[in-house]
């Protein structure tokens, strides 16, 4: 059993975080992801990297509040395949 399955799935009908708090969290999360993708490259992250980071941040919020059934977040192999087939091409294109 993975760590994710130990916790109940969140219901899509739960109360969302206040907008101001969500905006701050999204801004911080996107900046973190952008810097992670950018790595040790010189200069600030490029616009495509920032855009991909923003998309990943928004996906994180959406998938957390309304977990999908496909891919199954309880299946590590399926999540790795999802990351490889969907997320990796987005990052590769952003960093060129």
PDB file of N, CA and C in Angstrom:
ATOM      1  N   UNK A   1       0.843  -1.173   0.000  1.00  0.00           N
ATOM      2  CA  UNK A   1       0.000   0.000   0.000  1.00  0.00           C
ATOM      3  C   UNK A   1       0.895   1.244   0.000  1.00  0.00           C
ATOM      4  N   UNK A   2       0.609   2.173  -0.872  1.00  0.00           N
ATOM      5  CA  UNK A   2       1.410   3.395  -0.928  1.00  0.00           C
ATOM      6  C   UNK A   2       0.951   4.374   0.141  1.00  0.00           C
ATOM      7  N   UNK A   3       1.793   5.365   0.398  1.00  0.00           N
ATOM      8  CA  UNK A   3       1.460   6.374   1.404  1.00  0.00           C
ATOM      9  C   UNK A   3       0.181   7.111   1.041  1.00  0.00           C
ATOM     10  N   UNK A   4      -0.048   7.304  -0.250  1.00  0.00           N
ATOM     11  CA  UNK A   4      -1.230   8.049  -0.675  1.00  0.00           C
ATOM     12  C   UNK A   4      -2.512   7.334  -0.255  1.00  0.00           C
ATOM     13  N   UNK A   5      -2.546   6.025  -0.349  1.00  0.00           N
ATOM     14  CA  UNK A   5      -3.766   5.275  -0.039  1.00  0.00           C
ATOM     15  C   UNK A   5      -4.101   5.288   1.448  1.00  0.00           C
ATOM     16  N   UNK A   6      -3.176   5.645   2.290  1.00  0.00           N
ATOM     17  CA  UNK A   6      -3.457   5.695   3.721  1.00  0.00           C
ATOM     18  C   UNK A   6      -4.390   6.847   4.073  1.00  0.00           C
ATOM     19  N   UNK A   7      -4.475   7.811   3.207  1.00  0.00           N
ATOM     20  CA  UNK A   7      -5.292   8.986   3.475  1.00  0.00           C
ATOM     21  C   UNK A   7      -6.538   8.936   2.603  1.00  0.00           C
ATOM     22  N   UNK A   8      -7.681   9.313   3.147  1.00  0.00           N
ATOM     23  CA  UNK A   8      -8.900   9.290   2.333  1.00  0.00           C
ATOM     24  C   UNK A   8      -8.833  10.333   1.220  1.00  0.00           C
ATOM     25  N   UNK A   9      -9.478  10.034   0.124  1.00  0.00           N
ATOM     26  CA  UNK A   9      -9.559  10.999  -0.967  1.00  0.00           C
ATOM     27  C   UNK A   9     -10.387  12.182  -0.513  1.00  0.00           C
ATOM     28  N   UNK A  10      -9.961  13.361  -0.954  1.00  0.00           N
ATOM     29  CA  UNK A  10     -10.720  14.556  -0.598  1.00  0.00           C
ATOM     30  C   UNK A  10     -11.947  14.631  -1.490  1.00  0.00           C
ATOM     31  N   UNK A  11     -13.033  15.016  -0.906  1.00  0.00           N
ATOM     32  CA  UNK A  11     -14.269  15.179  -1.641  1.00  0.00           C
ATOM     33  C   UNK A  11     -14.232  16.495  -2.405  1.00  0.00           C
ATOM     34  N   UNK A  12     -14.691  16.488  -3.628  1.00  0.00           N
ATOM     35  CA  UNK A  12     -14.705  17.704  -4.451  1.00  0.00           C
ATOM     36  C   UNK A  12     -15.614  18.771  -3.867  1.00  0.00           C
ATOM     37  N   UNK A  13     -16.439  18.404  -2.909  1.00  0.00           N
ATOM     38  CA  UNK A  13     -17.372  19.365  -2.331  1.00  0.00           C
ATOM     39  C   UNK A  13     -16.831  20.028  -1.068  1.00  0.00           C
ATOM     40  N   UNK A  14     -15.562  19.820  -0.752  1.00  0.00           N
ATOM     41  CA  UNK A  14     -15.006  20.472   0.433  1.00  0.00           C
ATOM     42  C   UNK A  14     -14.869  21.961   0.180  1.00  0.00           C
ATOM     43  N   UNK A  15     -14.793  22.693   1.238  1.00  0.00           N
ATOM     44  CA  UNK A  15     -14.693  24.150   1.151  1.00  0.00           C
ATOM     45  C   UNK A  15     -13.319  24.537   0.596  1.00  0.00           C
ATOM     46  N   UNK A  16     -13.276  25.318  -0.476  1.00  0.00           N
ATOM     47  CA  UNK A  16     -11.967  25.728  -1.025  1.00  0.00           C
ATOM     48  C   UNK A  16     -11.294  26.750  -0.119  1.00  0.00           C
ATOM     49  N   UNK A  17      -9.981  26.859  -0.292  1.00  0.00           N
ATOM     50  CA  UNK A  17      -9.226  27.867   0.452  1.00  0.00           C
ATOM     51  C   UNK A  17      -9.642  29.251  -0.035  1.00  0.00           C
ATOM     52  N   UNK A  18      -9.521  30.258   0.828  1.00  0.00           N
ATOM     53  CA  UNK A  18      -9.827  31.621   0.379  1.00  0.00           C
ATOM     54  C   UNK A  18      -8.962  31.989  -0.826  1.00  0.00           C
ATOM     55  N   UNK A  19      -9.518  32.764  -1.740  1.00  0.00           N
ATOM     56  CA  UNK A  19      -8.836  33.118  -2.982  1.00  0.00           C
ATOM     57  C   UNK A  19      -7.469  33.737  -2.728  1.00  0.00           C
ATOM     58  N   UNK A  20      -7.377  34.668  -1.803  1.00  0.00           N
ATOM     59  CA  UNK A  20      -6.094  35.315  -1.523  1.00  0.00           C
ATOM     60  C   UNK A  20      -5.032  34.315  -1.112  1.00  0.00           C
ATOM     61  N   UNK A  21      -5.412  33.371  -0.265  1.00  0.00           N
ATOM     62  CA  UNK A  21      -4.469  32.342   0.178  1.00  0.00           C
ATOM     63  C   UNK A  21      -4.078  31.452  -0.994  1.00  0.00           C
ATOM     64  N   UNK A  22      -5.032  31.074  -1.828  1.00  0.00           N
ATOM     65  CA  UNK A  22      -4.747  30.225  -2.977  1.00  0.00           C
ATOM     66  C   UNK A  22      -3.800  30.912  -3.954  1.00  0.00           C
ATOM     67  N   UNK A  23      -4.001  32.196  -4.176  1.00  0.00           N
ATOM     68  CA  UNK A  23      -3.141  32.945  -5.097  1.00  0.00           C
ATOM     69  C   UNK A  23      -1.718  32.978  -4.571  1.00  0.00           C
ATOM     70  N   UNK A  24      -1.552  33.225  -3.290  1.00  0.00           N
ATOM     71  CA  UNK A  24      -0.200  33.249  -2.693  1.00  0.00           C
ATOM     72  C   UNK A  24       0.461  31.880  -2.795  1.00  0.00           C
ATOM     73  N   UNK A  25      -0.286  30.827  -2.481  1.00  0.00           N
ATOM     74  CA  UNK A  25       0.270  29.478  -2.566  1.00  0.00           C
ATOM     75  C   UNK A  25       0.636  29.115  -4.000  1.00  0.00           C
ATOM     76  N   UNK A  26      -0.220  29.472  -4.941  1.00  0.00           N
ATOM     77  CA  UNK A  26       0.066  29.191  -6.351  1.00  0.00           C
ATOM     78  C   UNK A  26       1.301  29.958  -6.812  1.00  0.00           C
ATOM     79  N   UNK A  27       1.428  31.209  -6.412  1.00  0.00           N
ATOM     80  CA  UNK A  27       2.586  32.022  -6.785  1.00  0.00           C
ATOM     81  C   UNK A  27       3.872  31.413  -6.233  1.00  0.00           C
ATOM     82  N   UNK A  28       3.852  31.041  -4.953  1.00  0.00           N
ATOM     83  CA  UNK A  28       5.045  30.438  -4.346  1.00  0.00           C
ATOM     84  C   UNK A  28       5.355  29.078  -4.971  1.00  0.00           C
ATOM     85  N   UNK A  29       4.337  28.266  -5.162  1.00  0.00           N
ATOM     86  CA  UNK A  29       4.540  26.946  -5.741  1.00  0.00           C
ATOM     87  C   UNK A  29       5.063  27.015  -7.161  1.00  0.00           C
ATOM     88  N   UNK A  30       4.500  27.904  -7.956  1.00  0.00           N
ATOM     89  CA  UNK A  30       4.953  28.059  -9.343  1.00  0.00           C
ATOM     90  C   UNK A  30       6.392  28.547  -9.396  1.00  0.00           C
ATOM     91  N   UNK A  31       6.759  29.465  -8.512  1.00  0.00           N
ATOM     92  CA  UNK A  31       8.139  29.959  -8.470  1.00  0.00           C
ATOM     93  C   UNK A  31       9.091  28.829  -8.087  1.00  0.00           C
ATOM     94  N   UNK A  32       8.705  28.015  -7.115  1.00  0.00           N
ATOM     95  CA  UNK A  32       9.536  26.884  -6.713  1.00  0.00           C
ATOM     96  C   UNK A  32       9.725  25.918  -7.878  1.00  0.00           C
ATOM     97  N   UNK A  33       8.625  25.560  -8.547  1.00  0.00           N
ATOM     98  CA  UNK A  33       8.696  24.626  -9.669  1.00  0.00           C
ATOM     99  C   UNK A  33       9.533  25.215 -10.798  1.00  0.00           C
ATOM    100  N   UNK A  34       9.343  26.495 -11.077  1.00  0.00           N
ATOM    101  CA  UNK A  34      10.107  27.174 -12.127  1.00  0.00           C
ATOM    102  C   UNK A  34      11.599  27.111 -11.845  1.00  0.00           C
ATOM    103  N   UNK A  35      11.988  27.412 -10.621  1.00  0.00           N
ATOM    104  CA  UNK A  35      13.403  27.355 -10.250  1.00  0.00           C
ATOM    105  C   UNK A  35      13.939  25.930 -10.297  1.00  0.00           C
ATOM    106  N   UNK A  36      13.110  24.967  -9.945  1.00  0.00           N
ATOM    107  CA  UNK A  36      13.526  23.564  -9.989  1.00  0.00           C
ATOM    108  C   UNK A  36      13.780  23.136 -11.436  1.00  0.00           C
ATOM    109  N   UNK A  37      12.853  23.462 -12.333  1.00  0.00           N
ATOM    110  CA  UNK A  37      13.019  23.115 -13.748  1.00  0.00           C
ATOM    111  C   UNK A  37      14.237  23.826 -14.318  1.00  0.00           C
ATOM    112  N   UNK A  38      14.404  25.084 -13.979  1.00  0.00           N
ATOM    113  CA  UNK A  38      15.508  25.909 -14.490  1.00  0.00           C
ATOM    114  C   UNK A  38      16.859  25.384 -14.033  1.00  0.00           C
ATOM    115  N   UNK A  39      16.890  24.861 -12.820  1.00  0.00           N
ATOM    116  CA  UNK A  39      18.117  24.271 -12.296  1.00  0.00           C
ATOM    117  C   UNK A  39      19.236  25.280 -12.144  1.00  0.00           C
ATOM    118  N   UNK A  40      20.437  24.886 -12.524  1.00  0.00           N
ATOM    119  CA  UNK A  40      21.626  25.718 -12.363  1.00  0.00           C
ATOM    120  C   UNK A  40      21.937  26.551 -13.606  1.00  0.00           C
ATOM    121  N   UNK A  41      21.025  26.597 -14.561  1.00  0.00           N
ATOM    122  CA  UNK A  41      21.255  27.388 -15.774  1.00  0.00           C
ATOM    123  C   UNK A  41      21.419  28.859 -15.401  1.00  0.00           C
ATOM    124  N   UNK A  42      22.233  29.588 -16.153  1.00  0.00           N
ATOM    125  CA  UNK A  42      22.434  31.006 -15.832  1.00  0.00           C
ATOM    126  C   UNK A  42      21.172  31.832 -16.097  1.00  0.00           C
ATOM    127  N   UNK A  43      21.061  32.933 -15.370  1.00  0.00           N
ATOM    128  CA  UNK A  43      19.952  33.863 -15.573  1.00  0.00           C
ATOM    129  C   UNK A  43      18.668  33.353 -14.952  1.00  0.00           C
ATOM    130  N   UNK A  44      17.606  34.155 -15.097  1.00  0.00           N
ATOM    131  CA  UNK A  44      16.308  33.751 -14.546  1.00  0.00           C
ATOM    132  C   UNK A  44      15.633  32.717 -15.443  1.00  0.00           C
ATOM    133  N   UNK A  45      14.657  31.986 -14.912  1.00  0.00           N
ATOM    134  CA  UNK A  45      13.913  31.038 -15.739  1.00  0.00           C
ATOM    135  C   UNK A  45      13.249  31.748 -16.926  1.00  0.00           C
ATOM    136  N   UNK A  46      13.241  31.085 -18.058  1.00  0.00           N
ATOM    137  CA  UNK A  46      12.640  31.654 -19.267  1.00  0.00           C
ATOM    138  C   UNK A  46      11.115  31.674 -19.148  1.00  0.00           C
ATOM    139  N   UNK A  47      10.488  32.411 -20.041  1.00  0.00           N
ATOM    140  CA  UNK A  47       9.031  32.478 -20.036  1.00  0.00           C
ATOM    141  C   UNK A  47       8.399  31.102 -20.235  1.00  0.00           C
ATOM    142  N   UNK A  48       8.869  30.266 -21.194  1.00  0.00           N
ATOM    143  CA  UNK A  48       8.268  28.929 -21.305  1.00  0.00           C
ATOM    144  C   UNK A  48       8.394  28.105 -20.027  1.00  0.00           C
ATOM    145  N   UNK A  49       9.513  28.210 -19.324  1.00  0.00           N
ATOM    146  CA  UNK A  49       9.689  27.485 -18.062  1.00  0.00           C
ATOM    147  C   UNK A  49       8.691  28.010 -17.027  1.00  0.00           C
ATOM    148  N   UNK A  50       8.524  29.326 -16.948  1.00  0.00           N
ATOM    149  CA  UNK A  50       7.565  29.900 -15.993  1.00  0.00           C
ATOM    150  C   UNK A  50       6.141  29.469 -16.336  1.00  0.00           C
ATOM    151  N   UNK A  51       5.817  29.401 -17.606  1.00  0.00           N
ATOM    152  CA  UNK A  51       4.476  28.977 -18.011  1.00  0.00           C
ATOM    153  C   UNK A  51       4.222  27.518 -17.624  1.00  0.00           C
ATOM    154  N   UNK A  52       5.189  26.656 -17.900  1.00  0.00           N
ATOM    155  CA  UNK A  52       5.034  25.242 -17.540  1.00  0.00           C
ATOM    156  C   UNK A  52       4.918  25.113 -16.020  1.00  0.00           C
ATOM    157  N   UNK A  53       5.718  25.859 -15.284  1.00  0.00           N
ATOM    158  CA  UNK A  53       5.645  25.824 -13.829  1.00  0.00           C
ATOM    159  C   UNK A  53       4.267  26.272 -13.340  1.00  0.00           C
ATOM    160  N   UNK A  54       3.709  27.282 -13.967  1.00  0.00           N
ATOM    161  CA  UNK A  54       2.374  27.755 -13.598  1.00  0.00           C
ATOM    162  C   UNK A  54       1.338  26.659 -13.859  1.00  0.00           C
ATOM    163  N   UNK A  55       1.448  25.996 -15.001  1.00  0.00           N
ATOM    164  CA  UNK A  55       0.516  24.909 -15.323  1.00  0.00           C
ATOM    165  C   UNK A  55       0.644  23.784 -14.308  1.00  0.00           C
ATOM    166  N   UNK A  56       1.890  23.400 -13.966  1.00  0.00           N
ATOM    167  CA  UNK A  56       2.088  22.342 -12.984  1.00  0.00           C
ATOM    168  C   UNK A  56       1.507  22.746 -11.625  1.00  0.00           C
ATOM    169  N   UNK A  57       1.687  23.995 -11.230  1.00  0.00           N
ATOM    170  CA  UNK A  57       1.125  24.471  -9.971  1.00  0.00           C
ATOM    171  C   UNK A  57      -0.389  24.399  -9.972  1.00  0.00           C
ATOM    172  N   UNK A  58      -0.996  24.822 -11.069  1.00  0.00           N
ATOM    173  CA  UNK A  58      -2.461  24.771 -11.170  1.00  0.00           C
ATOM    174  C   UNK A  58      -2.969  23.333 -11.202  1.00  0.00           C
ATOM    175  N   UNK A  59      -2.235  22.467 -11.885  1.00  0.00           N
ATOM    176  CA  UNK A  59      -2.616  21.054 -11.895  1.00  0.00           C
ATOM    177  C   UNK A  59      -2.549  20.468 -10.492  1.00  0.00           C
ATOM    178  N   UNK A  60      -1.515  20.850  -9.743  1.00  0.00           N
ATOM    179  CA  UNK A  60      -1.378  20.369  -8.371  1.00  0.00           C
ATOM    180  C   UNK A  60      -2.625  20.732  -7.558  1.00  0.00           C
ATOM    181  N   UNK A  61      -3.045  22.002  -7.628  1.00  0.00           N
ATOM    182  CA  UNK A  61      -4.227  22.427  -6.879  1.00  0.00           C
ATOM    183  C   UNK A  61      -5.464  21.654  -7.316  1.00  0.00           C
ATOM    184  N   UNK A  62      -5.637  21.506  -8.602  1.00  0.00           N
ATOM    185  CA  UNK A  62      -6.815  20.820  -9.118  1.00  0.00           C
ATOM    186  C   UNK A  62      -6.805  19.346  -8.734  1.00  0.00           C
ATOM    187  N   UNK A  63      -5.675  18.689  -8.926  1.00  0.00           N
ATOM    188  CA  UNK A  63      -5.600  17.261  -8.613  1.00  0.00           C
ATOM    189  C   UNK A  63      -5.719  17.010  -7.115  1.00  0.00           C
ATOM    190  N   UNK A  64      -5.276  17.974  -6.295  1.00  0.00           N
ATOM    191  CA  UNK A  64      -5.423  17.825  -4.849  1.00  0.00           C
ATOM    192  C   UNK A  64      -6.867  17.977  -4.410  1.00  0.00           C
ATOM    193  N   UNK A  65      -7.563  18.930  -4.983  1.00  0.00           N
ATOM    194  CA  UNK A  65      -8.939  19.184  -4.559  1.00  0.00           C
ATOM    195  C   UNK A  65      -9.934  18.224  -5.189  1.00  0.00           C
ATOM    196  N   UNK A  66      -9.632  17.734  -6.376  1.00  0.00           N
ATOM    197  CA  UNK A  66     -10.524  16.802  -7.070  1.00  0.00           C
ATOM    198  C   UNK A  66      -9.686  15.702  -7.717  1.00  0.00           C
ATOM    199  N   UNK A  67      -9.190  14.738  -6.929  1.00  0.00           N
ATOM    200  CA  UNK A  67      -8.323  13.698  -7.478  1.00  0.00           C
ATOM    201  C   UNK A  67      -9.023  12.922  -8.591  1.00  0.00           C
ATOM    202  N   UNK A  68      -8.300  12.667  -9.679  1.00  0.00           N
ATOM    203  CA  UNK A  68      -8.895  11.934 -10.788  1.00  0.00           C
ATOM    204  C   UNK A  68      -8.917  10.427 -10.502  1.00  0.00           C
ATOM    205  N   UNK A  69      -9.669   9.714 -11.294  1.00  0.00           N
ATOM    206  CA  UNK A  69      -9.628   8.255 -11.230  1.00  0.00           C
ATOM    207  C   UNK A  69      -8.682   7.719 -12.299  1.00  0.00           C
ATOM    208  N   UNK A  70      -8.335   8.548 -13.268  1.00  0.00           N
ATOM    209  CA  UNK A  70      -7.417   8.156 -14.333  1.00  0.00           C
ATOM    210  C   UNK A  70      -6.469   9.312 -14.605  1.00  0.00           C
ATOM    211  N   UNK A  71      -5.232   9.289 -14.197  1.00  0.00           N
ATOM    212  CA  UNK A  71      -4.531   8.121 -13.643  1.00  0.00           C
ATOM    213  C   UNK A  71      -4.911   7.885 -12.189  1.00  0.00           C
ATOM    214  N   UNK A  72      -4.752   6.653 -11.779  1.00  0.00           N
ATOM    215  CA  UNK A  72      -5.018   6.255 -10.398  1.00  0.00           C
ATOM    216  C   UNK A  72      -3.855   6.701  -9.530  1.00  0.00           C
ATOM    217  N   UNK A  73      -4.079   7.658  -8.646  1.00  0.00           N
ATOM    218  CA  UNK A  73      -3.013   8.188  -7.803  1.00  0.00           C
ATOM    219  C   UNK A  73      -2.532   7.175  -6.766  1.00  0.00           C
ATOM    220  N   UNK A  74      -3.210   6.069  -6.636  1.00  0.00           N
ATOM    221  CA  UNK A  74      -2.770   5.026  -5.730  1.00  0.00           C
ATOM    222  C   UNK A  74      -1.867   4.006  -6.398  1.00  0.00           C
ATOM    223  N   UNK A  75      -1.646   4.134  -7.690  1.00  0.00           N
ATOM    224  CA  UNK A  75      -0.824   3.186  -8.453  1.00  0.00           C
ATOM    225  C   UNK A  75       0.462   3.889  -8.887  1.00  0.00           C
ATOM    226  N   UNK A  76       1.563   3.591  -8.186  1.00  0.00           N
ATOM    227  CA  UNK A  76       2.826   4.270  -8.457  1.00  0.00           C
ATOM    228  C   UNK A  76       3.293   4.092  -9.904  1.00  0.00           C
ATOM    229  N   UNK A  77       3.141   2.896 -10.453  1.00  0.00           N
ATOM    230  CA  UNK A  77       3.578   2.652 -11.834  1.00  0.00           C
ATOM    231  C   UNK A  77       2.772   3.494 -12.818  1.00  0.00           C
ATOM    232  N   UNK A  78       1.493   3.604 -12.568  1.00  0.00           N
ATOM    233  CA  UNK A  78       0.637   4.414 -13.454  1.00  0.00           C
ATOM    234  C   UNK A  78       0.994   5.892 -13.344  1.00  0.00           C
ATOM    235  N   UNK A  79       1.295   6.360 -12.137  1.00  0.00           N
ATOM    236  CA  UNK A  79       1.700   7.756 -11.964  1.00  0.00           C
ATOM    237  C   UNK A  79       3.019   8.042 -12.668  1.00  0.00           C
ATOM    238  N   UNK A  80       3.975   7.119 -12.591  1.00  0.00           N
ATOM    239  CA  UNK A  80       5.250   7.301 -13.305  1.00  0.00           C
ATOM    240  C   UNK A  80       5.014   7.370 -14.808  1.00  0.00           C
ATOM    241  N   UNK A  81       4.147   6.486 -15.323  1.00  0.00           N
ATOM    242  CA  UNK A  81       3.840   6.509 -16.756  1.00  0.00           C
ATOM    243  C   UNK A  81       3.173   7.815 -17.147  1.00  0.00           C
ATOM    244  N   UNK A  82       2.251   8.302 -16.332  1.00  0.00           N
ATOM    245  CA  UNK A  82       1.581   9.579 -16.574  1.00  0.00           C
ATOM    246  C   UNK A  82       2.609  10.716 -16.623  1.00  0.00           C
ATOM    247  N   UNK A  83       3.511  10.738 -15.648  1.00  0.00           N
ATOM    248  CA  UNK A  83       4.541  11.783 -15.610  1.00  0.00           C
ATOM    249  C   UNK A  83       5.426  11.708 -16.848  1.00  0.00           C
ATOM    250  N   UNK A  84       5.812  10.517 -17.229  1.00  0.00           N
ATOM    251  CA  UNK A  84       6.706  10.342 -18.383  1.00  0.00           C
ATOM    252  C   UNK A  84       6.019  10.739 -19.692  1.00  0.00           C
ATOM    253  N   UNK A  85       4.773  10.348 -19.862  1.00  0.00           N
ATOM    254  CA  UNK A  85       4.076  10.572 -21.129  1.00  0.00           C
ATOM    255  C   UNK A  85       3.441  11.950 -21.249  1.00  0.00           C
ATOM    256  N   UNK A  86       3.107  12.577 -20.132  1.00  0.00           N
ATOM    257  CA  UNK A  86       2.398  13.859 -20.176  1.00  0.00           C
ATOM    258  C   UNK A  86       3.267  15.012 -19.677  1.00  0.00           C
ATOM    259  N   UNK A  87       3.801  14.880 -18.481  1.00  0.00           N
ATOM    260  CA  UNK A  87       4.524  16.006 -17.885  1.00  0.00           C
ATOM    261  C   UNK A  87       5.928  16.183 -18.442  1.00  0.00           C
ATOM    262  N   UNK A  88       6.631  15.095 -18.677  1.00  0.00           N
ATOM    263  CA  UNK A  88       8.002  15.201 -19.176  1.00  0.00           C
ATOM    264  C   UNK A  88       8.078  15.946 -20.501  1.00  0.00           C
ATOM    265  N   UNK A  89       7.224  15.643 -21.483  1.00  0.00           N
ATOM    266  CA  UNK A  89       7.286  16.403 -22.742  1.00  0.00           C
ATOM    267  C   UNK A  89       7.051  17.903 -22.546  1.00  0.00           C
ATOM    268  N   UNK A  90       6.199  18.273 -21.584  1.00  0.00           N
ATOM    269  CA  UNK A  90       5.976  19.688 -21.317  1.00  0.00           C
ATOM    270  C   UNK A  90       7.260  20.352 -20.822  1.00  0.00           C
ATOM    271  N   UNK A  91       7.938  19.689 -19.894  1.00  0.00           N
ATOM    272  CA  UNK A  91       9.178  20.259 -19.369  1.00  0.00           C
ATOM    273  C   UNK A  91      10.275  20.289 -20.436  1.00  0.00           C
ATOM    274  N   UNK A  92      10.397  19.214 -21.193  1.00  0.00           N
ATOM    275  CA  UNK A  92      11.440  19.164 -22.220  1.00  0.00           C
ATOM    276  C   UNK A  92      11.261  20.273 -23.245  1.00  0.00           C
ATOM    277  N   UNK A  93      10.048  20.522 -23.615  1.00  0.00           N
ATOM    278  CA  UNK A  93       9.797  21.592 -24.586  1.00  0.00           C
ATOM    279  C   UNK A  93      10.115  22.957 -23.987  1.00  0.00           C
ATOM    280  N   UNK A  94       9.815  23.143 -22.708  1.00  0.00           N
ATOM    281  CA  UNK A  94      10.051  24.431 -22.059  1.00  0.00           C
ATOM    282  C   UNK A  94      11.539  24.743 -21.943  1.00  0.00           C
ATOM    283  N   UNK A  95      12.342  23.737 -21.648  1.00  0.00           N
ATOM    284  CA  UNK A  95      13.772  23.981 -21.453  1.00  0.00           C
ATOM    285  C   UNK A  95      14.560  23.845 -22.738  1.00  0.00           C
ATOM    286  N   UNK A  96      13.898  23.390 -23.787  1.00  0.00           N
ATOM    287  CA  UNK A  96      14.527  23.314 -25.104  1.00  0.00           C
ATOM    288  C   UNK A  96      15.466  22.214 -25.210  1.00  0.00           C
TER     289      UNK A  96
END
